[in-house]
Amino acid sequence: MNHDLDPEKAIIGLAMTSKALDEIDLDPRDFADIRHEALWALLIELHTQGSPTDPLTVLKSLPRIPEDHRRGVDGVYLTDLRTAAPIAPLAHHYASMVANAATLRRLDAAGRRIIQLADAGGDAQEISETAVTEVAACIRATSEITMVADTIDTTIDGLKEPSTAIPTPWADLNRLIKGWRPGALYVVAARPGVGKSIIGLQAAFDLAKHGNVAFMSLEMPRREVEIRLIAQVAEVHLARLNGANSDDDSLERLSQRDWENITRHRAVLTERPLSIDDRSYVTVSEIRSYARTLARKGPLSALIVDYLQLISAPRGDRRPRHELVADISRSLKILAKELGCPVIALSQLNRQSEARADKKPTIADIRESGAVEQDADVILLLHMDEESVTDLDMLVAKNRQGAQGLVELQREGHFARATQRPWSAGGRAA
């Protein structure tokens, strides 16, 4: 074995002389030399297309690579790589060397970033969470090969167990989506003022019957969220709660009966483990840290974010907003799997639906909708008819595990909640 052979050159040479691309799994970013990174990406592209990967074909395909990434790469360079390539059985050996070197580089970079964060000061817990995430991201996970025969019995036995999904507060919605499932991403989208925060908070308080709930309120301050909770649970009119300690004599005050209702329901408000974070500027990393911290206090039953488009980009990230939202959406989906609980992300709709005759929203109306549509397991669109101040339609526009359909709710804005809509003989609200 030639111990002086550059592992990156060796594996590229092997890819042009053997079936190494069928046998090894390397990412182009595993290569330290930018030329080799570009060449490996090109080889994968050619192989995927069913084209040869010999030096002549690679040479003809070089224009696909940006010019500054292929300086010095010509016919002679490619021929030298092929000529110097080791024997095919050594492909895994050289691939592991490239992968190992890549991991060491990533660990070095992560270590430098962690040192910078520590030197800058701040919350030690948050820095620790970031450090764990940074280091974990350095290791490329490789799954063991598992056949269906190895796991199907466990899956069949699991069908006998009770569902792990937690019912929603709305029976008609449960019939469609079967409850909030651990590891799934739910998106609740609406125009401003329609009721997405009402739905999100009502779901959060209900989910808190089953475990800790993290409610990220990026739009409303904590006091406003808690006022809405009191209105919802104690059935005290929101207007009287908002005017409770105001100097404006024109506002309606809390009655003796209101105070009795608040006192009577205080226990349930304090017993349920609902945690509210009302920071206006948080990144996905900070949301992850907050949720993990809460999870250490007890099982986490849900994470709710109000709302998705308000999540901040990491410092210095100046990418277009649609790219950032795509990353945020994907990160929330991954976070749902990591935490093992449902993540419910509220989302704004753009104004496109207002220009249509029926004004009913579609998935395409979600701001930066492409990534959100792809990542969400369930998408719920809220709509209110202009002719009614109480009828709230919830359209199940996407449902990976079941049917789509319409859930008809009644918006009780004065109690900050939505209930099943009463039915008349004609099928509309009474």
Protein backbone atom coordinates (compact mmCIF):
# COMPACT_ATOMS: atom_id res chain seq x y z
CA MET A 1 0.00 0.00 0.00
CA ASN A 2 1.30 3.45 -0.87
CA HIS A 3 1.11 5.34 2.45
CA ASP A 4 2.18 8.60 0.75
CA LEU A 5 -0.86 8.70 -1.53
CA ASP A 6 -3.27 11.56 -0.79
CA PRO A 7 -6.57 9.91 0.33
CA GLU A 8 -8.65 12.48 -1.56
CA LYS A 9 -6.76 11.88 -4.80
CA ALA A 10 -6.88 8.15 -4.22
CA ILE A 11 -10.66 7.98 -3.85
CA ILE A 12 -11.30 10.26 -6.84
CA GLY A 13 -8.92 8.14 -8.93
CA LEU A 14 -10.77 5.01 -7.81
CA ALA A 15 -14.11 6.57 -8.78
CA MET A 16 -12.79 6.98 -12.32
CA THR A 17 -11.46 3.42 -12.56
CA SER A 18 -13.86 1.22 -10.58
CA LYS A 19 -17.36 1.01 -9.09
CA ALA A 20 -16.27 2.90 -5.99
CA LEU A 21 -19.26 5.27 -6.27
CA ASP A 22 -21.59 2.30 -5.74
CA GLU A 23 -19.79 1.17 -2.62
CA ILE A 24 -18.91 4.24 -0.56
CA ASP A 25 -20.81 7.20 0.84
CA LEU A 26 -18.90 10.47 0.88
CA ASP A 27 -20.31 13.98 0.75
CA PRO A 28 -18.52 16.51 -1.49
CA ARG A 29 -18.06 18.67 1.63
CA ASP A 30 -15.92 15.89 3.13
CA PHE A 31 -13.08 16.96 0.81
CA ALA A 32 -10.65 19.61 2.06
CA ASP A 33 -9.38 20.61 -1.41
CA ILE A 34 -12.05 22.71 -3.14
CA ARG A 35 -11.07 21.16 -6.49
CA HIS A 36 -11.65 17.68 -5.11
CA GLU A 37 -14.97 18.76 -3.58
CA ALA A 38 -16.13 19.99 -6.99
CA LEU A 39 -14.81 16.90 -8.78
CA TRP A 40 -16.55 14.55 -6.35
CA ALA A 41 -19.86 16.41 -6.81
CA LEU A 42 -19.43 16.12 -10.58
CA LEU A 43 -18.65 12.40 -10.38
CA ILE A 44 -21.80 11.81 -8.29
CA GLU A 45 -23.86 13.78 -10.80
CA LEU A 46 -22.50 11.80 -13.77
CA HIS A 47 -23.00 8.50 -11.97
CA THR A 48 -26.59 9.38 -11.02
CA GLN A 49 -27.32 10.22 -14.65
CA GLY A 50 -25.92 6.86 -15.76
CA SER A 51 -22.96 8.48 -17.57
CA PRO A 52 -19.40 7.10 -17.51
CA THR A 53 -17.00 8.55 -14.96
CA ASP A 54 -13.77 7.99 -16.89
CA PRO A 55 -11.27 10.89 -17.19
CA LEU A 56 -12.35 11.80 -20.76
CA THR A 57 -16.04 12.15 -19.77
CA VAL A 58 -15.09 14.09 -16.63
CA LEU A 59 -12.87 16.38 -18.73
CA LYS A 60 -15.73 17.16 -21.14
CA SER A 61 -18.00 17.87 -18.15
CA LEU A 62 -15.61 20.24 -16.34
CA PRO A 63 -17.45 23.38 -17.58
CA ARG A 64 -20.26 22.42 -15.19
CA ILE A 65 -17.92 23.32 -12.33
CA PRO A 66 -17.41 27.03 -11.47
CA GLU A 67 -14.13 28.22 -12.92
CA ASP A 68 -12.57 29.19 -9.58
CA HIS A 69 -13.26 25.65 -8.30
CA ARG A 70 -11.43 23.87 -11.13
CA ARG A 71 -8.22 25.84 -11.54
CA GLY A 72 -5.39 23.42 -12.29
CA VAL A 73 -7.76 20.59 -13.16
CA ASP A 74 -7.17 19.48 -16.73
CA GLY A 75 -6.69 16.31 -18.75
CA VAL A 76 -3.22 15.71 -17.34
CA TYR A 77 -4.42 16.12 -13.73
CA LEU A 78 -7.31 13.71 -14.27
CA THR A 79 -5.09 11.14 -15.97
CA ASP A 80 -2.57 11.36 -13.12
CA LEU A 81 -5.38 10.75 -10.61
CA ARG A 82 -6.49 7.66 -12.48
CA THR A 83 -2.98 6.34 -12.99
CA ALA A 84 -2.08 6.74 -9.31
CA ALA A 85 -5.34 5.17 -8.07
CA PRO A 86 -4.87 2.20 -5.72
CA ILE A 87 -6.59 -1.12 -6.23
CA ALA A 88 -10.40 -1.20 -5.92
CA PRO A 89 -10.58 -3.20 -2.65
CA LEU A 90 -8.91 -0.27 -0.88
CA ALA A 91 -11.83 2.11 -1.65
CA HIS A 92 -13.35 1.81 1.82
CA HIS A 93 -9.97 2.38 3.46
CA TYR A 94 -9.33 5.66 1.65
CA ALA A 95 -12.97 6.76 2.00
CA SER A 96 -12.75 6.31 5.77
CA MET A 97 -9.55 8.38 5.81
CA VAL A 98 -11.30 11.22 3.93
CA ALA A 99 -14.35 11.02 6.22
CA ASN A 100 -12.21 10.94 9.36
CA ALA A 101 -10.20 13.98 8.27
CA ALA A 102 -13.44 15.83 7.47
CA THR A 103 -14.82 15.10 10.94
CA LEU A 104 -11.63 16.34 12.58
CA ARG A 105 -11.82 19.59 10.58
CA ARG A 106 -15.44 20.10 11.61
CA LEU A 107 -14.61 19.42 15.26
CA ASP A 108 -11.79 21.93 15.08
CA ALA A 109 -14.11 24.57 13.58
CA ALA A 110 -16.82 23.79 16.15
CA GLY A 111 -14.30 24.07 18.97
CA ARG A 112 -13.24 27.50 17.74
CA ARG A 113 -16.88 28.67 17.58
CA ILE A 114 -17.56 27.35 21.09
CA ILE A 115 -14.47 29.16 22.43
CA GLN A 116 -15.67 32.39 20.77
CA LEU A 117 -19.12 32.01 22.37
CA ALA A 118 -17.57 31.34 25.79
CA ASP A 119 -15.21 34.31 25.48
CA ALA A 120 -18.12 36.58 24.52
CA GLY A 121 -19.97 35.64 27.72
CA GLY A 122 -23.68 35.05 28.10
CA ASP A 123 -25.86 32.32 29.49
CA ALA A 124 -23.78 29.22 30.20
CA GLN A 125 -26.72 26.85 29.69
CA GLU A 126 -27.47 28.24 26.23
CA ILE A 127 -23.79 28.04 25.27
CA SER A 128 -23.69 24.42 26.49
CA GLU A 129 -26.74 23.54 24.37
CA THR A 130 -25.14 25.20 21.35
CA ALA A 131 -21.89 23.31 21.99
CA VAL A 132 -23.71 19.97 22.10
CA THR A 133 -25.51 20.79 18.84
CA GLU A 134 -22.30 21.97 17.16
CA VAL A 135 -20.36 18.82 18.10
CA ALA A 136 -23.23 16.50 17.18
CA ALA A 137 -23.42 18.13 13.76
CA CYS A 138 -19.79 17.23 13.12
CA ILE A 139 -20.46 13.51 13.15
CA ARG A 140 -21.95 12.10 9.98
CA ALA A 141 -24.52 9.55 11.07
CA THR A 142 -24.39 6.24 9.23
CA SER A 143 -27.43 4.01 9.64
CA GLU A 144 -27.11 0.31 10.08
CA ILE A 145 -28.73 -1.74 7.36
CA THR A 146 -32.08 -2.94 8.69
CA MET A 147 -34.45 -5.20 6.79
CA VAL A 148 -38.24 -5.13 7.17
CA ALA A 149 -38.04 -8.70 8.48
CA ASP A 150 -35.98 -7.41 11.42
CA THR A 151 -38.58 -4.91 12.63
CA ILE A 152 -42.01 -5.83 11.25
CA ASP A 153 -42.99 -7.90 14.31
CA THR A 154 -42.33 -4.92 16.59
CA THR A 155 -44.48 -2.75 14.35
CA ILE A 156 -47.32 -5.29 14.34
CA ASP A 157 -47.15 -5.64 18.13
CA GLY A 158 -47.27 -1.86 18.40
CA LEU A 159 -50.66 -1.85 16.69
CA LYS A 160 -52.06 -3.39 19.88
CA GLU A 161 -50.79 -0.52 22.01
CA PRO A 162 -52.78 2.68 22.71
CA SER A 163 -52.07 5.56 20.33
CA THR A 164 -49.42 8.04 21.49
CA ALA A 165 -51.24 10.91 19.77
CA ILE A 166 -52.83 13.46 22.11
CA PRO A 167 -56.40 14.48 21.19
CA THR A 168 -56.99 18.09 20.15
CA PRO A 169 -59.72 20.17 21.82
CA TRP A 170 -61.90 19.76 18.71
CA ALA A 171 -63.62 16.40 18.08
CA ASP A 172 -64.14 16.95 14.34
CA LEU A 173 -60.43 17.70 13.90
CA ASN A 174 -59.52 14.52 15.79
CA ARG A 175 -61.56 12.48 13.33
CA LEU A 176 -59.34 13.79 10.52
CA ILE A 177 -55.83 14.04 11.98
CA LYS A 178 -56.23 11.60 14.92
CA GLY A 179 -54.71 14.07 17.40
CA TRP A 180 -51.29 15.67 17.88
CA ARG A 181 -48.66 13.03 17.10
CA PRO A 182 -45.19 13.04 18.72
CA GLY A 183 -42.46 13.93 16.21
CA ALA A 184 -44.84 15.62 13.76
CA LEU A 185 -44.82 19.24 12.59
CA TYR A 186 -48.19 21.02 12.47
CA VAL A 187 -48.65 24.38 10.77
CA VAL A 188 -51.66 26.56 11.62
CA ALA A 189 -51.89 29.44 9.15
CA ALA A 190 -54.22 32.44 8.94
CA ARG A 191 -54.42 36.11 8.09
CA PRO A 192 -53.89 38.50 11.04
CA GLY A 193 -56.86 38.68 13.38
CA VAL A 194 -58.53 35.47 12.22
CA GLY A 195 -57.56 33.37 15.23
CA LYS A 196 -54.31 31.45 14.84
CA SER A 197 -53.04 32.63 18.26
CA ILE A 198 -56.36 31.59 19.81
CA ILE A 199 -56.00 28.11 18.32
CA GLY A 200 -52.33 27.88 19.32
CA LEU A 201 -52.88 28.93 22.94
CA GLN A 202 -55.98 26.76 23.37
CA ALA A 203 -54.05 23.78 22.02
CA ALA A 204 -51.11 24.59 24.32
CA PHE A 205 -53.22 24.72 27.48
CA ASP A 206 -55.02 21.50 26.54
CA LEU A 207 -51.74 19.71 25.77
CA ALA A 208 -50.41 20.78 29.19
CA LYS A 209 -52.77 18.18 30.70
CA HIS A 210 -50.31 15.57 29.39
CA GLY A 211 -46.90 17.11 30.17
CA ASN A 212 -44.74 20.20 29.92
CA VAL A 213 -45.57 22.59 27.09
CA ALA A 214 -43.24 25.30 25.74
CA PHE A 215 -45.15 28.22 24.24
CA MET A 216 -42.88 30.59 22.30
CA SER A 217 -44.78 33.88 22.07
CA LEU A 218 -42.72 35.99 19.70
CA GLU A 219 -45.56 38.46 19.10
CA MET A 220 -47.48 38.88 22.37
CA PRO A 221 -45.97 39.72 25.79
CA ARG A 222 -46.42 37.20 28.58
CA ARG A 223 -49.09 39.26 30.38
CA GLU A 224 -51.28 39.37 27.26
CA VAL A 225 -50.96 35.61 26.80
CA GLU A 226 -51.89 34.99 30.44
CA ILE A 227 -54.86 37.39 30.21
CA ARG A 228 -56.12 35.32 27.28
CA LEU A 229 -55.64 32.14 29.30
CA ILE A 230 -57.73 33.56 32.15
CA ALA A 231 -60.48 34.55 29.70
CA GLN A 232 -60.45 31.10 28.13
CA VAL A 233 -60.37 29.03 31.32
CA ALA A 234 -62.40 31.17 33.74
CA GLU A 235 -64.81 32.40 31.06
CA VAL A 236 -64.28 36.05 31.93
CA HIS A 237 -64.85 38.55 29.11
CA LEU A 238 -61.53 39.61 27.58
CA ALA A 239 -62.60 43.27 27.41
CA ARG A 240 -63.16 43.38 31.19
CA LEU A 241 -59.82 41.71 31.85
CA ASN A 242 -58.00 44.22 29.64
CA GLY A 243 -59.68 47.12 31.44
CA ALA A 244 -59.20 45.72 34.92
CA ASN A 245 -56.47 48.11 36.06
CA SER A 246 -56.92 50.92 33.56
CA ASP A 247 -57.53 54.57 34.49
CA ASP A 248 -60.05 54.89 31.65
CA ASP A 249 -63.47 55.17 33.32
CA SER A 250 -65.21 54.27 30.04
CA LEU A 251 -63.90 50.71 30.20
CA GLU A 252 -65.97 47.94 31.75
CA ARG A 253 -64.63 46.62 35.05
CA LEU A 254 -64.43 43.13 36.47
CA SER A 255 -67.52 42.13 38.40
CA GLN A 256 -67.68 40.24 41.68
CA ARG A 257 -68.73 37.15 39.71
CA ASP A 258 -65.68 37.58 37.44
CA TRP A 259 -63.37 37.62 40.44
CA GLU A 260 -65.05 34.52 41.82
CA ASN A 261 -64.55 32.73 38.50
CA ILE A 262 -60.88 33.76 38.40
CA THR A 263 -60.32 32.59 41.99
CA ARG A 264 -62.11 29.30 41.37
CA HIS A 265 -60.03 28.52 38.26
CA ARG A 266 -56.67 29.72 39.58
CA ALA A 267 -55.69 26.19 40.58
CA VAL A 268 -56.06 24.72 37.10
CA LEU A 269 -54.17 27.69 35.64
CA THR A 270 -51.22 27.09 37.94
CA GLU A 271 -51.28 23.29 37.97
CA ARG A 272 -50.78 22.74 34.26
CA PRO A 273 -47.07 22.90 33.30
CA LEU A 274 -47.33 25.53 30.55
CA SER A 275 -44.20 27.66 30.11
CA ILE A 276 -44.31 30.92 28.15
CA ASP A 277 -41.21 32.47 26.58
CA ASP A 278 -42.09 35.95 25.29
CA ARG A 279 -38.72 37.01 23.89
CA SER A 280 -39.28 38.80 20.59
CA TYR A 281 -35.97 37.86 18.98
CA VAL A 282 -35.12 34.16 19.17
CA THR A 283 -33.41 31.80 16.76
CA VAL A 284 -34.26 28.15 16.21
CA SER A 285 -31.18 27.28 18.27
CA GLU A 286 -32.53 29.31 21.19
CA ILE A 287 -35.96 27.69 20.82
CA ARG A 288 -34.29 24.26 20.89
CA SER A 289 -32.33 25.21 24.01
CA TYR A 290 -35.46 26.48 25.78
CA ALA A 291 -37.45 23.34 24.91
CA ARG A 292 -34.64 21.02 26.03
CA THR A 293 -34.29 22.90 29.32
CA LEU A 294 -38.03 22.49 29.95
CA ALA A 295 -37.83 18.81 28.95
CA ARG A 296 -35.29 18.23 31.73
CA LYS A 297 -37.99 19.24 34.23
CA GLY A 298 -40.33 16.53 32.93
CA PRO A 299 -41.72 14.95 29.75
CA LEU A 300 -42.44 17.47 27.01
CA SER A 301 -45.88 17.11 25.43
CA ALA A 302 -45.58 19.94 22.88
CA LEU A 303 -43.74 22.95 21.55
CA ILE A 304 -45.83 25.80 20.09
CA VAL A 305 -44.31 28.72 18.17
CA ASP A 306 -46.30 31.92 17.60
CA TYR A 307 -45.35 32.53 14.87
CA LEU A 308 -42.94 30.99 12.34
CA GLN A 309 -42.05 34.08 10.29
CA LEU A 310 -40.96 35.98 13.42
CA ILE A 311 -38.14 33.52 14.24
CA SER A 312 -34.85 35.39 13.91
CA ALA A 313 -31.89 34.47 11.73
CA PRO A 314 -28.56 33.73 13.43
CA ARG A 315 -26.33 36.75 13.81
CA GLY A 316 -24.58 37.67 10.57
CA ASP A 317 -26.83 35.50 8.39
CA ARG A 318 -27.90 37.75 5.51
CA ARG A 319 -29.49 35.19 3.22
CA PRO A 320 -32.82 36.01 1.52
CA ARG A 321 -35.78 35.60 3.83
CA HIS A 322 -37.28 32.69 1.86
CA GLU A 323 -34.04 30.72 2.32
CA LEU A 324 -34.01 31.45 6.04
CA VAL A 325 -37.65 30.38 6.43
CA ALA A 326 -36.83 27.16 4.54
CA ASP A 327 -34.07 26.42 7.08
CA ILE A 328 -36.34 27.35 10.00
CA SER A 329 -39.12 25.10 8.72
CA ARG A 330 -36.77 22.15 8.26
CA SER A 331 -35.21 22.75 11.68
CA LEU A 332 -38.61 22.71 13.38
CA LYS A 333 -39.41 19.39 11.71
CA ILE A 334 -36.09 17.94 12.91
CA LEU A 335 -36.71 19.40 16.37
CA ALA A 336 -40.07 17.61 16.59
CA LYS A 337 -38.26 14.29 16.02
CA GLU A 338 -35.47 15.17 18.45
CA LEU A 339 -37.86 16.17 21.24
CA GLY A 340 -40.30 13.33 20.53
CA CYS A 341 -43.30 15.65 20.76
CA PRO A 342 -45.57 17.55 18.36
CA VAL A 343 -44.35 20.96 17.23
CA ILE A 344 -47.15 23.38 16.32
CA ALA A 345 -45.94 26.36 14.31
CA LEU A 346 -48.35 29.21 13.69
CA SER A 347 -47.85 31.01 10.37
CA GLN A 348 -48.94 34.14 8.55
CA LEU A 349 -50.78 33.99 5.25
CA ASN A 350 -50.02 36.52 2.53
CA ARG A 351 -52.72 38.67 0.92
CA GLN A 352 -53.22 36.59 -2.23
CA SER A 353 -56.42 35.02 -0.90
CA GLU A 354 -58.04 38.45 -0.50
CA ALA A 355 -57.96 38.95 -4.27
CA ARG A 356 -59.94 35.78 -4.96
CA ALA A 357 -63.70 35.70 -5.15
CA ASP A 358 -64.24 33.24 -2.27
CA LYS A 359 -61.21 34.55 -0.32
CA LYS A 360 -60.58 31.07 1.06
CA PRO A 361 -56.87 30.41 1.72
CA THR A 362 -54.76 27.73 0.09
CA ILE A 363 -51.36 26.30 1.02
CA ALA A 364 -49.79 28.56 -1.61
CA ASP A 365 -50.94 31.57 0.47
CA ILE A 366 -48.55 30.69 3.31
CA ARG A 367 -45.71 33.19 3.34
CA GLU A 368 -42.58 31.48 1.96
CA SER A 369 -44.84 28.46 1.48
CA GLY A 370 -42.59 26.07 -0.49
CA ALA A 371 -40.47 24.75 2.38
CA VAL A 372 -43.34 24.90 4.88
CA GLU A 373 -45.55 22.78 2.63
CA GLN A 374 -42.78 20.22 2.20
CA ASP A 375 -41.83 19.90 5.89
CA ALA A 376 -45.24 20.01 7.60
CA ASP A 377 -47.04 16.78 8.40
CA VAL A 378 -50.35 18.61 8.79
CA ILE A 379 -51.35 22.08 7.56
CA LEU A 380 -54.44 23.75 9.01
CA LEU A 381 -55.74 26.88 7.27
CA LEU A 382 -58.12 29.20 9.14
CA HIS A 383 -60.76 31.28 7.40
CA MET A 384 -63.57 33.56 8.53
CA ASP A 385 -66.41 34.58 6.24
CA GLU A 386 -66.93 38.33 6.05
CA GLU A 387 -70.64 37.82 6.72
CA SER A 388 -70.04 36.20 10.12
CA VAL A 389 -67.98 37.33 13.09
CA THR A 390 -68.13 33.93 14.77
CA ASP A 391 -67.94 31.20 12.09
CA LEU A 392 -64.35 29.97 11.89
CA ASP A 393 -63.50 27.38 9.24
CA MET A 394 -60.46 25.18 9.76
CA LEU A 395 -59.37 23.53 6.53
CA VAL A 396 -57.14 20.46 6.85
CA ALA A 397 -55.22 21.25 3.66
CA LYS A 398 -52.46 18.67 4.13
CA ASN A 399 -52.52 15.50 6.21
CA ARG A 400 -49.80 12.92 5.73
CA GLN A 401 -51.54 10.37 7.94
CA GLY A 402 -55.14 10.75 6.82
CA ALA A 403 -57.84 12.64 5.01
CA GLN A 404 -58.23 16.31 4.24
CA GLY A 405 -61.44 18.07 5.11
CA LEU A 406 -63.23 20.97 6.77
CA VAL A 407 -63.72 21.49 10.50
CA GLU A 408 -66.38 24.05 11.37
CA LEU A 409 -65.66 25.97 14.56
CA GLN A 410 -67.20 28.88 16.40
CA ARG A 411 -64.84 31.71 17.32
CA GLU A 412 -65.51 33.03 20.81
CA GLY A 413 -63.13 35.96 20.74
CA HIS A 414 -64.35 37.34 24.08
CA PHE A 415 -63.15 34.12 25.74
CA ALA A 416 -60.07 33.74 23.47
CA ARG A 417 -61.13 30.28 22.33
CA ALA A 418 -62.75 28.29 19.52
CA THR A 419 -65.41 25.64 20.06
CA GLN A 420 -67.28 23.16 17.92
CA ARG A 421 -69.87 25.05 15.89
CA PRO A 422 -73.48 24.26 16.87
CA TRP A 423 -75.38 22.56 14.08
CA SER A 424 -78.80 23.32 12.75
CA ALA A 425 -80.94 21.05 10.58
CA GLY A 426 -79.40 22.67 7.51
CA GLY A 427 -75.87 21.91 8.66
CA ARG A 428 -74.91 25.48 9.55
CA ALA A 429 -74.55 27.16 12.89
CA ALA A 430 -77.74 27.70 14.80
